[in-house]
Amino acid sequence: MARDTLRNRLDRATAHLDPPFAAVDLTAFDGNAEALATRAAGKPLRVASKSVRCRDLLGRTLARPGWHGVMAYTVREASWLVRAGVTDDVLVAYPSADRAALAELSADAELASAVTLMVDSPDQLDLIDSVAPPQRREPIRVCLDLDASWRPARGRLHIGVRRSPVHSAAAAGALAARVTARRGFRLVGLMAYEAQIAGLADAPPGQAVRGMVIRALQHWSYPELLARRGAAVAAVREYADLAFVNGGGTGSVAATGADPSVTEITAGSGLYGPTLFDGYRAWRPVPAAFFALAVVRRPAPGLATVLGGGWIASGPADPSRLPDPWLPAGLRLTGSEGAGEVQTPLSGQVADTLAVGDRVWFRHAKAGELSEHVNELHLIEGEQVVATVPSYRGEGHAFL
């Protein structure tokens, strides 16, 4: 019944629009932002721009209590956000080899004071120096990326994502020593993203055994990371007075916030509530972002075909990355065709209630990637579109 009510409300609010288009339910969006801040228990949240990709909604989030600063994914994006007035505090989450963007940052005092670059090797410092020698540039703020993966069995197993080569507290301290000994750099932060905790659903629908295994891995990984991250922070602070220690993600806000060594938490996906977060036990965001496609034909009883639909999420190529036909409830992708670029057949008894011209509301598997397919997002309150705002793509930016 709740989904039927939502469908009716979305349909009425957007009756004047022709699919395909994307919409964000502001009541759910704001509610998710508030819930995340509550779960952070007083520690500031840094919004992950990769999971939003819309300047207006980034600004809306940052205007709320408990949120401060942006985690960007490229240097060009970070500089654009600062110059656009979205924030004066951007942490770039990944190392960069974009020489032009690094040169622009190095030559601008405002950008250099607002943007922090991620490093995990002296090689990245060498590249920056090759672009702009330290005597001819502003000091560059840098953050160390500590690998937060779990390596049990004396390091023979790797549980987590492949990110930084800096895993131990000793390695973090050694890199901090090298950074602080070099002219032209200011070591201001440390980040450790525990993907095996924040980024893995611990109760995936229909996969009870997988859920049990993931919960066990998370149970053992968390205390190991707590001790190692704390030791790494202590080792780095022997060389620099850190302004922040960043950790977590939407899936681990409360757990990461309980780590005394962490001073801020990153979150972003939970604002939109994509399908990958339907399998979390601790907290599930309310779905807030949708895209609508039009039914264009009825090939057979129990089938309805919409135009478009192949908005696939990044990651391993499996069904979890496919969009979900959410409204009306009861539709599903077909196993033989999945989500197609130009058409997507949908099956289920409810398909017989759909006519040509009706719309089907989908949810994307991941959050911000939805915005790569549309130029604008229609913001809905109640039964009205109260604003239409550009996505990154709509402003002419494709940063990756």
Protein backbone atom coordinates (compact mmCIF):
# COMPACT_ATOMS: atom_id res chain seq x y z
CA MET A 1 0.00 0.00 0.00
CA ALA A 2 2.83 2.43 0.83
CA ARG A 3 4.38 1.81 -2.58
CA ASP A 4 1.03 2.33 -4.30
CA THR A 5 0.68 5.65 -2.49
CA LEU A 6 4.18 6.67 -3.51
CA ARG A 7 3.52 5.72 -7.13
CA ASN A 8 0.34 7.78 -7.24
CA ARG A 9 2.10 10.76 -5.69
CA LEU A 10 5.04 10.59 -8.09
CA ASP A 11 2.72 10.15 -11.07
CA ARG A 12 0.61 13.15 -10.11
CA ALA A 13 3.62 15.36 -9.43
CA THR A 14 5.21 14.60 -12.78
CA ALA A 15 2.13 14.22 -15.00
CA HIS A 16 3.38 17.12 -17.15
CA LEU A 17 6.72 15.43 -17.89
CA ASP A 18 7.59 12.91 -20.60
CA PRO A 19 9.93 10.04 -19.67
CA PRO A 20 12.76 9.35 -19.44
CA PHE A 21 13.52 11.60 -16.48
CA ALA A 22 14.84 11.37 -12.93
CA ALA A 23 13.22 12.65 -9.75
CA VAL A 24 14.18 13.04 -6.12
CA ASP A 25 11.61 12.93 -3.32
CA LEU A 26 12.80 15.71 -1.01
CA THR A 27 10.91 14.41 2.02
CA ALA A 28 12.79 11.13 1.81
CA PHE A 29 16.07 12.86 0.91
CA ASP A 30 15.92 15.23 3.89
CA GLY A 31 14.78 12.43 6.19
CA ASN A 32 17.75 10.31 5.16
CA ALA A 33 20.12 13.22 5.74
CA GLU A 34 18.72 13.72 9.23
CA ALA A 35 18.87 10.00 10.03
CA LEU A 36 22.51 9.81 8.96
CA ALA A 37 23.41 12.80 11.14
CA THR A 38 21.66 11.18 14.09
CA ARG A 39 23.58 7.94 13.53
CA ALA A 40 26.86 9.89 13.47
CA ALA A 41 26.20 10.85 17.11
CA GLY A 42 27.78 14.27 16.96
CA LYS A 43 30.65 13.60 14.59
CA PRO A 44 30.48 15.69 11.40
CA LEU A 45 29.49 14.02 8.14
CA ARG A 46 31.37 14.76 4.93
CA VAL A 47 29.08 14.33 1.94
CA ALA A 48 30.40 12.08 -0.84
CA SER A 49 29.80 14.00 -4.06
CA LYS A 50 30.19 10.83 -6.14
CA SER A 51 26.94 9.62 -4.60
CA VAL A 52 25.00 12.83 -5.37
CA ARG A 53 26.46 14.56 -8.48
CA CYS A 54 24.21 17.57 -8.24
CA ARG A 55 25.41 20.95 -6.92
CA ASP A 56 22.01 21.99 -5.62
CA LEU A 57 21.54 18.81 -3.60
CA LEU A 58 25.09 18.95 -2.27
CA GLY A 59 24.37 22.47 -1.06
CA ARG A 60 21.06 21.38 0.44
CA THR A 61 22.84 18.66 2.38
CA LEU A 62 25.61 20.93 3.62
CA ALA A 63 23.04 23.43 4.90
CA ARG A 64 21.75 20.82 7.34
CA PRO A 65 23.07 20.38 10.91
CA GLY A 66 25.73 17.70 11.22
CA TRP A 67 27.11 18.00 7.69
CA HIS A 68 30.32 19.78 6.74
CA GLY A 69 32.65 19.45 3.77
CA VAL A 70 32.67 17.42 0.58
CA MET A 71 34.51 14.28 -0.44
CA ALA A 72 35.09 14.69 -4.19
CA TYR A 73 36.35 12.12 -6.64
CA THR A 74 38.55 14.21 -8.94
CA VAL A 75 40.67 17.34 -8.60
CA ARG A 76 38.79 19.10 -11.41
CA GLU A 77 35.51 18.48 -9.63
CA ALA A 78 36.94 19.71 -6.32
CA SER A 79 38.15 22.96 -7.85
CA TRP A 80 34.81 23.50 -9.58
CA LEU A 81 32.88 22.98 -6.34
CA VAL A 82 35.05 25.50 -4.50
CA ARG A 83 34.77 28.12 -7.24
CA ALA A 84 31.01 27.55 -7.46
CA GLY A 85 30.71 28.35 -3.75
CA VAL A 86 29.42 24.93 -2.70
CA THR A 87 32.08 24.52 0.00
CA ASP A 88 35.51 25.68 1.10
CA ASP A 89 36.50 22.22 2.36
CA VAL A 90 36.98 19.42 -0.19
CA LEU A 91 38.83 16.17 0.30
CA VAL A 92 39.66 14.40 -2.98
CA ALA A 93 39.17 10.72 -2.21
CA TYR A 94 41.55 9.30 -4.81
CA PRO A 95 45.08 10.13 -5.99
CA SER A 96 45.26 12.12 -9.21
CA ALA A 97 47.53 12.21 -12.25
CA ASP A 98 45.61 15.04 -13.94
CA ARG A 99 48.51 17.40 -14.56
CA ALA A 100 46.39 20.31 -15.78
CA ALA A 101 44.09 20.12 -12.76
CA LEU A 102 47.06 19.87 -10.40
CA ALA A 103 48.68 22.88 -12.06
CA GLU A 104 45.48 24.91 -11.68
CA LEU A 105 45.22 23.98 -8.01
CA SER A 106 48.89 24.74 -7.32
CA ALA A 107 48.64 28.22 -8.83
CA ASP A 108 45.55 29.35 -6.94
CA ALA A 109 45.78 30.25 -3.25
CA GLU A 110 42.02 29.87 -2.70
CA LEU A 111 41.92 26.40 -4.21
CA ALA A 112 45.09 25.26 -2.47
CA SER A 113 43.68 26.26 0.92
CA ALA A 114 40.32 24.55 0.31
CA VAL A 115 41.26 21.29 -1.42
CA THR A 116 43.09 18.35 0.14
CA LEU A 117 44.68 15.74 -2.12
CA MET A 118 44.92 12.01 -1.37
CA VAL A 119 48.31 10.30 -1.40
CA ASP A 120 49.62 6.87 -0.53
CA SER A 121 53.11 7.03 -2.05
CA PRO A 122 55.97 9.49 -2.56
CA ASP A 123 55.52 8.87 -6.28
CA GLN A 124 52.38 11.01 -6.17
CA LEU A 125 54.32 13.80 -4.50
CA ASP A 126 56.96 13.53 -7.22
CA LEU A 127 54.29 13.96 -9.89
CA ILE A 128 52.93 17.09 -8.21
CA ASP A 129 56.45 18.52 -7.96
CA SER A 130 57.02 17.80 -11.65
CA VAL A 131 53.91 19.80 -12.50
CA ALA A 132 54.65 22.71 -10.17
CA PRO A 133 57.95 22.84 -8.26
CA PRO A 134 57.47 23.65 -4.57
CA GLN A 135 59.22 27.02 -4.81
CA ARG A 136 56.75 28.14 -7.48
CA ARG A 137 53.44 27.02 -6.00
CA GLU A 138 51.11 27.28 -3.05
CA PRO A 139 51.58 24.63 -0.32
CA ILE A 140 49.52 21.54 -1.15
CA ARG A 141 47.31 19.99 1.53
CA VAL A 142 47.54 16.19 1.54
CA CYS A 143 45.78 13.32 3.28
CA LEU A 144 47.26 9.83 3.75
CA ASP A 145 45.15 6.89 2.54
CA LEU A 146 45.41 4.02 5.02
CA ASP A 147 44.31 0.66 3.61
CA ALA A 148 41.45 -0.47 5.87
CA SER A 149 41.06 -3.98 4.45
CA TRP A 150 41.32 -6.99 6.74
CA ARG A 151 44.23 -9.35 6.13
CA PRO A 152 43.76 -12.44 8.31
CA ALA A 153 45.82 -15.65 8.16
CA ARG A 154 49.01 -13.62 8.57
CA GLY A 155 48.24 -11.52 5.55
CA ARG A 156 47.53 -14.41 3.18
CA LEU A 157 43.91 -13.31 2.78
CA HIS A 158 42.67 -9.90 1.68
CA ILE A 159 39.12 -8.96 2.73
CA GLY A 160 38.12 -5.57 1.34
CA VAL A 161 38.91 -3.38 -1.65
CA ARG A 162 42.30 -2.84 -3.25
CA ARG A 163 43.27 0.71 -2.44
CA SER A 164 46.34 2.04 -0.69
CA PRO A 165 49.58 0.07 -0.21
CA VAL A 166 49.84 1.65 3.27
CA HIS A 167 48.38 -0.95 5.62
CA SER A 168 50.26 -0.91 8.91
CA ALA A 169 50.72 1.83 11.48
CA ALA A 170 54.46 1.65 10.86
CA ALA A 171 53.97 2.21 7.11
CA ALA A 172 51.66 5.15 7.81
CA GLY A 173 54.23 6.70 10.12
CA ALA A 174 57.01 6.19 7.60
CA LEU A 175 55.00 7.87 4.84
CA ALA A 176 54.08 10.74 7.17
CA ALA A 177 57.77 11.27 7.86
CA ARG A 178 58.53 11.48 4.15
CA VAL A 179 55.64 13.86 3.43
CA THR A 180 56.46 16.28 6.21
CA ALA A 181 60.14 16.30 5.25
CA ARG A 182 59.31 17.62 1.79
CA ARG A 183 58.90 21.25 0.92
CA GLY A 184 55.58 22.40 -0.48
CA PHE A 185 53.27 19.90 1.24
CA ARG A 186 51.12 20.09 4.38
CA LEU A 187 49.97 16.81 5.90
CA VAL A 188 46.52 17.56 7.32
CA GLY A 189 44.54 14.31 7.30
CA LEU A 190 44.31 10.55 7.29
CA MET A 191 41.56 8.49 5.67
CA ALA A 192 40.70 4.81 6.11
CA TYR A 193 37.63 3.55 4.23
CA GLU A 194 36.47 0.20 5.61
CA ALA A 195 34.72 -1.04 2.46
CA GLN A 196 34.24 -4.55 3.81
CA ILE A 197 32.06 -3.05 6.55
CA ALA A 198 30.53 0.08 5.01
CA GLY A 199 30.12 -1.21 1.48
CA LEU A 200 28.84 -4.77 1.92
CA ALA A 201 25.18 -5.52 2.60
CA ASP A 202 25.06 -7.87 5.58
CA ALA A 203 21.56 -9.19 4.81
CA PRO A 204 21.36 -9.49 1.00
CA PRO A 205 17.83 -10.50 -0.03
CA GLY A 206 17.53 -14.19 -0.85
CA GLN A 207 21.14 -14.93 0.14
CA ALA A 208 20.99 -16.06 3.75
CA VAL A 209 24.28 -17.96 3.72
CA ARG A 210 26.15 -15.08 2.07
CA GLY A 211 24.71 -12.75 4.69
CA MET A 212 25.95 -14.97 7.52
CA VAL A 213 29.45 -15.05 6.02
CA ILE A 214 29.54 -11.26 5.55
CA ARG A 215 28.37 -10.65 9.12
CA ALA A 216 31.08 -12.95 10.44
CA LEU A 217 33.75 -11.18 8.38
CA GLN A 218 32.57 -7.80 9.59
CA HIS A 219 32.45 -8.99 13.20
CA TRP A 220 36.12 -9.98 13.10
CA SER A 221 37.33 -7.17 10.86
CA TYR A 222 35.97 -4.28 12.92
CA PRO A 223 38.04 -4.70 16.14
CA GLU A 224 41.21 -5.30 14.11
CA LEU A 225 40.65 -2.06 12.19
CA LEU A 226 39.81 -0.16 15.36
CA ALA A 227 43.18 -1.05 16.88
CA ARG A 228 45.19 -0.58 13.67
CA ARG A 229 43.58 2.72 12.69
CA GLY A 230 44.14 4.09 16.18
CA ALA A 231 47.79 3.06 16.06
CA ALA A 232 48.21 4.57 12.60
CA VAL A 233 46.72 7.88 13.71
CA ALA A 234 49.09 7.97 16.67
CA ALA A 235 52.06 7.20 14.41
CA VAL A 236 51.16 9.92 11.92
CA ARG A 237 50.53 12.48 14.65
CA GLU A 238 54.16 12.17 15.67
CA TYR A 239 54.90 14.11 12.47
CA ALA A 240 51.83 16.27 11.88
CA ASP A 241 48.95 17.86 13.75
CA LEU A 242 46.11 16.26 11.83
CA ALA A 243 43.05 18.40 11.12
CA PHE A 244 40.87 15.34 10.50
CA VAL A 245 40.71 11.54 10.47
CA ASN A 246 38.11 10.35 7.98
CA GLY A 247 36.41 6.97 7.84
CA GLY A 248 33.29 5.06 7.03
CA GLY A 249 30.46 5.28 4.57
CA THR A 250 26.68 5.11 4.59
CA GLY A 251 26.74 1.46 5.63
CA SER A 252 28.89 2.03 8.73
CA VAL A 253 28.09 5.51 10.05
CA ALA A 254 27.26 4.39 13.58
CA ALA A 255 30.07 1.83 13.80
CA THR A 256 32.69 4.19 12.41
CA GLY A 257 31.47 6.99 14.66
CA ALA A 258 32.19 4.79 17.67
CA ASP A 259 35.90 4.70 16.76
CA PRO A 260 37.59 7.30 19.01
CA SER A 261 40.36 7.88 16.46
CA VAL A 262 37.89 9.04 13.76
CA THR A 263 36.92 12.71 13.73
CA GLU A 264 34.58 12.72 10.71
CA ILE A 265 32.54 10.23 8.67
CA THR A 266 31.76 10.15 4.97
CA ALA A 267 28.26 9.40 3.68
CA GLY A 268 26.41 10.01 0.46
CA SER A 269 24.60 6.98 -0.95
CA GLY A 270 22.17 6.99 1.95
CA LEU A 271 20.74 10.30 0.79
CA TYR A 272 19.27 8.72 -2.37
CA GLY A 273 18.73 5.20 -0.97
CA PRO A 274 19.67 3.01 -3.99
CA THR A 275 18.87 -0.70 -4.13
CA LEU A 276 22.29 -1.88 -2.94
CA PHE A 277 21.37 -0.57 0.51
CA ASP A 278 18.21 -2.63 0.76
CA GLY A 279 20.28 -5.46 2.23
CA TYR A 280 21.62 -3.70 5.35
CA ARG A 281 20.37 -4.64 8.80
CA ALA A 282 21.58 -1.69 10.87
CA TRP A 283 19.87 1.02 8.82
CA ARG A 284 18.14 1.20 5.47
CA PRO A 285 17.58 4.58 3.82
CA VAL A 286 14.18 5.45 2.45
CA PRO A 287 14.22 5.31 -1.38
CA ALA A 288 14.47 8.92 -2.54
CA ALA A 289 15.79 8.87 -6.12
CA PHE A 290 13.95 7.34 -9.08
CA PHE A 291 13.87 7.39 -12.83
CA ALA A 292 10.75 7.03 -14.94
CA LEU A 293 10.40 5.20 -18.25
CA ALA A 294 7.36 4.99 -20.51
CA VAL A 295 5.58 1.82 -21.55
CA VAL A 296 5.72 1.72 -25.35
CA ARG A 297 4.32 -1.73 -26.15
CA ARG A 298 2.67 -4.86 -24.80
CA PRO A 299 4.33 -7.82 -26.57
CA ALA A 300 2.30 -10.52 -24.78
CA PRO A 301 0.11 -11.10 -21.73
CA GLY A 302 2.10 -10.54 -18.56
CA LEU A 303 4.68 -8.39 -20.36
CA ALA A 304 5.12 -4.64 -20.78
CA THR A 305 8.04 -3.04 -22.59
CA VAL A 306 9.48 0.34 -21.62
CA LEU A 307 11.72 2.51 -23.77
CA GLY A 308 15.30 2.50 -22.45
CA GLY A 309 16.35 1.13 -19.09
CA GLY A 310 19.95 -0.03 -19.37
CA TRP A 311 21.27 2.23 -16.66
CA ILE A 312 23.71 -0.28 -15.19
CA ALA A 313 25.76 0.45 -12.07
CA SER A 314 29.51 0.00 -11.80
CA GLY A 315 31.10 -2.90 -9.96
CA PRO A 316 31.09 -6.65 -10.58
CA ALA A 317 28.91 -7.64 -13.51
CA ASP A 318 26.08 -9.38 -11.70
CA PRO A 319 22.32 -8.84 -11.23
CA SER A 320 22.85 -6.63 -8.18
CA ARG A 321 24.02 -3.85 -10.54
CA LEU A 322 20.82 -3.82 -12.60
CA PRO A 323 18.12 -1.17 -12.04
CA ASP A 324 15.00 -2.35 -10.26
CA PRO A 325 11.50 -1.72 -11.68
CA TRP A 326 10.06 -0.45 -8.40
CA LEU A 327 6.64 1.02 -9.16
CA PRO A 328 4.17 -0.45 -9.71
CA ALA A 329 5.22 -3.25 -7.38
CA GLY A 330 5.35 -6.71 -8.89
CA LEU A 331 7.34 -6.04 -12.05
CA ARG A 332 10.65 -7.74 -12.74
CA LEU A 333 13.30 -7.83 -15.43
CA THR A 334 13.35 -10.84 -17.72
CA GLY A 335 16.31 -13.19 -17.40
CA SER A 336 16.94 -13.31 -21.13
CA GLU A 337 17.10 -9.56 -21.76
CA GLY A 338 17.68 -7.78 -18.45
CA ALA A 339 17.82 -3.99 -18.71
CA GLY A 340 18.31 -2.95 -22.33
CA GLU A 341 19.79 0.24 -23.69
CA VAL A 342 16.82 1.01 -25.95
CA GLN A 343 14.08 -1.20 -24.56
CA THR A 344 13.42 -3.27 -21.46
CA PRO A 345 10.67 -5.90 -21.29
CA LEU A 346 9.15 -6.33 -17.83
CA SER A 347 7.19 -9.33 -16.63
CA GLY A 348 4.66 -9.94 -13.87
CA GLN A 349 0.90 -10.03 -13.51
CA VAL A 350 0.81 -6.30 -12.83
CA ALA A 351 2.12 -5.73 -16.37
CA ASP A 352 -1.40 -6.46 -17.61
CA THR A 353 -2.63 -3.32 -15.83
CA LEU A 354 -0.24 -1.10 -17.81
CA ALA A 355 -1.14 0.62 -21.05
CA VAL A 356 1.02 2.27 -23.68
CA GLY A 357 1.99 5.65 -22.29
CA ASP A 358 1.95 4.60 -18.63
CA ARG A 359 5.17 4.98 -16.70
CA VAL A 360 7.28 2.60 -14.67
CA TRP A 361 9.44 3.97 -11.86
CA PHE A 362 12.89 2.43 -11.46
CA ARG A 363 15.50 2.63 -8.71
CA HIS A 364 19.18 2.62 -9.61
CA ALA A 365 21.51 0.13 -7.95
CA LYS A 366 23.99 2.85 -6.92
CA ALA A 367 23.41 6.44 -5.96
CA GLY A 368 25.17 9.16 -7.94
CA GLU A 369 25.58 7.18 -11.14
CA LEU A 370 21.93 7.86 -11.91
CA SER A 371 22.91 11.47 -12.62
CA GLU A 372 25.23 10.40 -15.43
CA HIS A 373 22.14 9.55 -17.49
CA VAL A 374 20.14 12.77 -17.07
CA ASN A 375 20.75 16.50 -17.43
CA GLU A 376 18.38 17.45 -14.62
CA LEU A 377 16.69 16.18 -11.50
CA HIS A 378 13.08 17.06 -10.71
CA LEU A 379 12.68 17.73 -6.99
CA ILE A 380 9.33 16.65 -5.56
CA GLU A 381 7.55 17.70 -2.40
CA GLY A 382 4.16 16.16 -1.84
CA GLU A 383 2.45 16.08 -5.22
CA GLN A 384 4.41 18.90 -6.85
CA VAL A 385 7.70 19.39 -8.62
CA VAL A 386 9.06 22.32 -6.61
CA ALA A 387 12.30 22.73 -8.56
CA THR A 388 14.23 21.30 -11.47
CA VAL A 389 17.99 21.40 -10.96
CA PRO A 390 20.92 20.37 -13.17
CA SER A 391 23.00 17.29 -12.56
CA TYR A 392 26.76 17.44 -13.09
CA ARG A 393 26.05 16.25 -16.62
CA GLY A 394 23.47 19.00 -17.06
CA GLU A 395 26.12 21.58 -16.18
CA GLY A 396 28.41 20.13 -18.83
CA HIS A 397 30.68 18.11 -16.55
CA ALA A 398 31.68 14.48 -16.88
CA PHE A 399 34.55 14.21 -14.42
CA LEU A 400 35.04 10.50 -14.99
